[in-house]
Amino acid sequence: MVMDDEIEKAVFALVEEYNGVSLFTFKRYKLTKDTDLNKDFKMAPEDAYELLTRYTELFSIDPQAVFFDKYFPEKKRYGLPLTIGMLIESAKAGQWLY
């Protein structure tokens, strides 16, 4: 069984792959468990969808349990928060908790 700290590291590593360098500061966004992939990280919906697809495969989460439109709605700028901590906790539980 994968240890909790290994799960946390794996989730951060997955999100970090989408953490590009800012055009203004030339730095990457500092990722924490509280980082909201939408509001804080300003992730494009296409990238978020790809990340969540990879996440559900990597951690054996049922992809139908993750309602993408709750977090990245088509008609609104922001949906419900989707934090790195939520990804970690769900991966530890082996199912989507939110």
C-alpha atoms as a PDB file:
ATOM      1  CA  MET A   1       0.000   0.000   0.000  1.00  0.00           C
ATOM      2  CA  VAL A   2       1.228   3.484  -0.838  1.00  0.00           C
ATOM      3  CA  MET A   3       2.031   5.608   2.202  1.00  0.00           C
ATOM      4  CA  ASP A   4       0.132   8.871   2.740  1.00  0.00           C
ATOM      5  CA  ASP A   5       3.248  11.023   2.294  1.00  0.00           C
ATOM      6  CA  GLU A   6       3.977   9.257  -1.000  1.00  0.00           C
ATOM      7  CA  ILE A   7       0.441  10.012  -2.190  1.00  0.00           C
ATOM      8  CA  GLU A   8       0.871  13.659  -1.243  1.00  0.00           C
ATOM      9  CA  LYS A   9       4.193  13.863  -3.101  1.00  0.00           C
ATOM     10  CA  ALA A  10       2.669  12.162  -6.155  1.00  0.00           C
ATOM     11  CA  VAL A  11      -0.263  14.615  -6.260  1.00  0.00           C
ATOM     12  CA  PHE A  12       2.048  17.623  -5.933  1.00  0.00           C
ATOM     13  CA  ALA A  13       4.309  16.181  -8.661  1.00  0.00           C
ATOM     14  CA  LEU A  14       1.332  15.746 -10.993  1.00  0.00           C
ATOM     15  CA  VAL A  15       0.094  19.312 -10.432  1.00  0.00           C
ATOM     16  CA  GLU A  16       3.635  20.680 -10.743  1.00  0.00           C
ATOM     17  CA  GLU A  17       3.735  19.410 -14.338  1.00  0.00           C
ATOM     18  CA  TYR A  18       1.123  22.091 -15.120  1.00  0.00           C
ATOM     19  CA  ASN A  19       2.881  24.826 -13.145  1.00  0.00           C
ATOM     20  CA  GLY A  20       4.424  27.021 -15.812  1.00  0.00           C
ATOM     21  CA  VAL A  21       6.680  30.010 -15.274  1.00  0.00           C
ATOM     22  CA  SER A  22       4.847  33.336 -14.952  1.00  0.00           C
ATOM     23  CA  LEU A  23       5.428  35.758 -17.810  1.00  0.00           C
ATOM     24  CA  PHE A  24       5.671  38.617 -15.317  1.00  0.00           C
ATOM     25  CA  THR A  25       7.755  37.197 -12.458  1.00  0.00           C
ATOM     26  CA  PHE A  26       9.531  34.357 -14.282  1.00  0.00           C
ATOM     27  CA  LYS A  27       8.731  32.169 -11.254  1.00  0.00           C
ATOM     28  CA  ARG A  28       6.442  29.217 -10.734  1.00  0.00           C
ATOM     29  CA  TYR A  29       3.356  29.513  -8.531  1.00  0.00           C
ATOM     30  CA  LYS A  30       4.033  28.285  -4.981  1.00  0.00           C
ATOM     31  CA  LEU A  31       1.838  25.230  -4.583  1.00  0.00           C
ATOM     32  CA  THR A  32       0.274  24.366  -1.219  1.00  0.00           C
ATOM     33  CA  LYS A  33      -2.570  22.126  -0.112  1.00  0.00           C
ATOM     34  CA  ASP A  34      -4.820  25.212  -0.108  1.00  0.00           C
ATOM     35  CA  THR A  35      -4.000  26.155  -3.709  1.00  0.00           C
ATOM     36  CA  ASP A  36      -7.248  26.362  -5.701  1.00  0.00           C
ATOM     37  CA  LEU A  37      -6.495  25.144  -9.207  1.00  0.00           C
ATOM     38  CA  ASN A  38      -9.057  27.531 -10.646  1.00  0.00           C
ATOM     39  CA  LYS A  39      -8.870  30.811  -8.717  1.00  0.00           C
ATOM     40  CA  ASP A  40      -5.279  30.723  -7.433  1.00  0.00           C
ATOM     41  CA  PHE A  41      -3.516  28.668 -10.079  1.00  0.00           C
ATOM     42  CA  LYS A  42      -5.692  30.037 -12.916  1.00  0.00           C
ATOM     43  CA  MET A  43      -5.595  26.697 -14.664  1.00  0.00           C
ATOM     44  CA  ALA A  44      -7.150  26.553 -18.120  1.00  0.00           C
ATOM     45  CA  PRO A  45     -10.169  24.228 -18.180  1.00  0.00           C
ATOM     46  CA  GLU A  46      -8.524  22.084 -20.862  1.00  0.00           C
ATOM     47  CA  ASP A  47      -5.433  21.583 -18.694  1.00  0.00           C
ATOM     48  CA  ALA A  48      -7.577  20.932 -15.613  1.00  0.00           C
ATOM     49  CA  TYR A  49      -9.536  18.279 -17.492  1.00  0.00           C
ATOM     50  CA  GLU A  50      -6.317  16.609 -18.611  1.00  0.00           C
ATOM     51  CA  LEU A  51      -4.894  16.779 -15.078  1.00  0.00           C
ATOM     52  CA  LEU A  52      -8.043  15.261 -13.572  1.00  0.00           C
ATOM     53  CA  THR A  53      -8.088  12.514 -16.198  1.00  0.00           C
ATOM     54  CA  ARG A  54      -4.499  11.608 -15.355  1.00  0.00           C
ATOM     55  CA  TYR A  55      -5.245  11.936 -11.625  1.00  0.00           C
ATOM     56  CA  THR A  56      -8.208   9.521 -11.739  1.00  0.00           C
ATOM     57  CA  GLU A  57      -6.120   6.981 -13.659  1.00  0.00           C
ATOM     58  CA  LEU A  58      -3.084   7.313 -11.389  1.00  0.00           C
ATOM     59  CA  PHE A  59      -5.031   6.977  -8.140  1.00  0.00           C
ATOM     60  CA  SER A  60      -7.790   4.632  -9.374  1.00  0.00           C
ATOM     61  CA  ILE A  61     -10.541   7.184  -8.715  1.00  0.00           C
ATOM     62  CA  ASP A  62     -13.850   6.703 -10.534  1.00  0.00           C
ATOM     63  CA  PRO A  63     -13.805   9.552 -13.104  1.00  0.00           C
ATOM     64  CA  GLN A  64     -17.613   9.683 -13.146  1.00  0.00           C
ATOM     65  CA  ALA A  65     -17.561  10.682  -9.469  1.00  0.00           C
ATOM     66  CA  VAL A  66     -15.670  13.889 -10.298  1.00  0.00           C
ATOM     67  CA  PHE A  67     -18.162  16.415 -11.664  1.00  0.00           C
ATOM     68  CA  PHE A  68     -15.801  18.631 -13.638  1.00  0.00           C
ATOM     69  CA  ASP A  69     -18.460  21.307 -14.326  1.00  0.00           C
ATOM     70  CA  LYS A  70     -18.807  21.981 -10.580  1.00  0.00           C
ATOM     71  CA  TYR A  71     -15.233  23.265 -10.540  1.00  0.00           C
ATOM     72  CA  PHE A  72     -14.848  24.597 -14.075  1.00  0.00           C
ATOM     73  CA  PRO A  73     -18.327  25.613 -15.276  1.00  0.00           C
ATOM     74  CA  GLU A  74     -18.766  26.647 -18.902  1.00  0.00           C
ATOM     75  CA  LYS A  75     -20.840  29.762 -18.310  1.00  0.00           C
ATOM     76  CA  LYS A  76     -19.101  31.152 -15.205  1.00  0.00           C
ATOM     77  CA  ARG A  77     -15.557  32.174 -14.631  1.00  0.00           C
ATOM     78  CA  TYR A  78     -15.178  30.196 -11.389  1.00  0.00           C
ATOM     79  CA  GLY A  79     -16.917  27.224  -9.902  1.00  0.00           C
ATOM     80  CA  LEU A  80     -16.460  25.556  -6.548  1.00  0.00           C
ATOM     81  CA  PRO A  81     -12.924  25.486  -5.171  1.00  0.00           C
ATOM     82  CA  LEU A  82     -10.776  22.581  -6.332  1.00  0.00           C
ATOM     83  CA  THR A  83      -7.719  22.478  -4.105  1.00  0.00           C
ATOM     84  CA  ILE A  84      -4.635  20.326  -4.088  1.00  0.00           C
ATOM     85  CA  GLY A  85      -5.677  19.228  -0.603  1.00  0.00           C
ATOM     86  CA  MET A  86      -8.938  17.866  -2.025  1.00  0.00           C
ATOM     87  CA  LEU A  87      -6.961  15.849  -4.562  1.00  0.00           C
ATOM     88  CA  ILE A  88      -4.670  14.507  -1.835  1.00  0.00           C
ATOM     89  CA  GLU A  89      -7.471  13.538   0.553  1.00  0.00           C
ATOM     90  CA  SER A  90      -9.459  11.804  -2.182  1.00  0.00           C
ATOM     91  CA  ALA A  91      -6.369   9.918  -3.381  1.00  0.00           C
ATOM     92  CA  LYS A  92      -5.720   8.743   0.178  1.00  0.00           C
ATOM     93  CA  ALA A  93      -9.343   7.600   0.496  1.00  0.00           C
ATOM     94  CA  GLY A  94      -9.276   5.866  -2.885  1.00  0.00           C
ATOM     95  CA  GLN A  95     -12.439   7.666  -3.992  1.00  0.00           C
ATOM     96  CA  TRP A  96     -13.602  11.171  -4.835  1.00  0.00           C
ATOM     97  CA  LEU A  97     -14.787  12.781  -1.588  1.00  0.00           C
ATOM     98  CA  TYR A  98     -16.138  16.052  -2.952  1.00  0.00           C
END
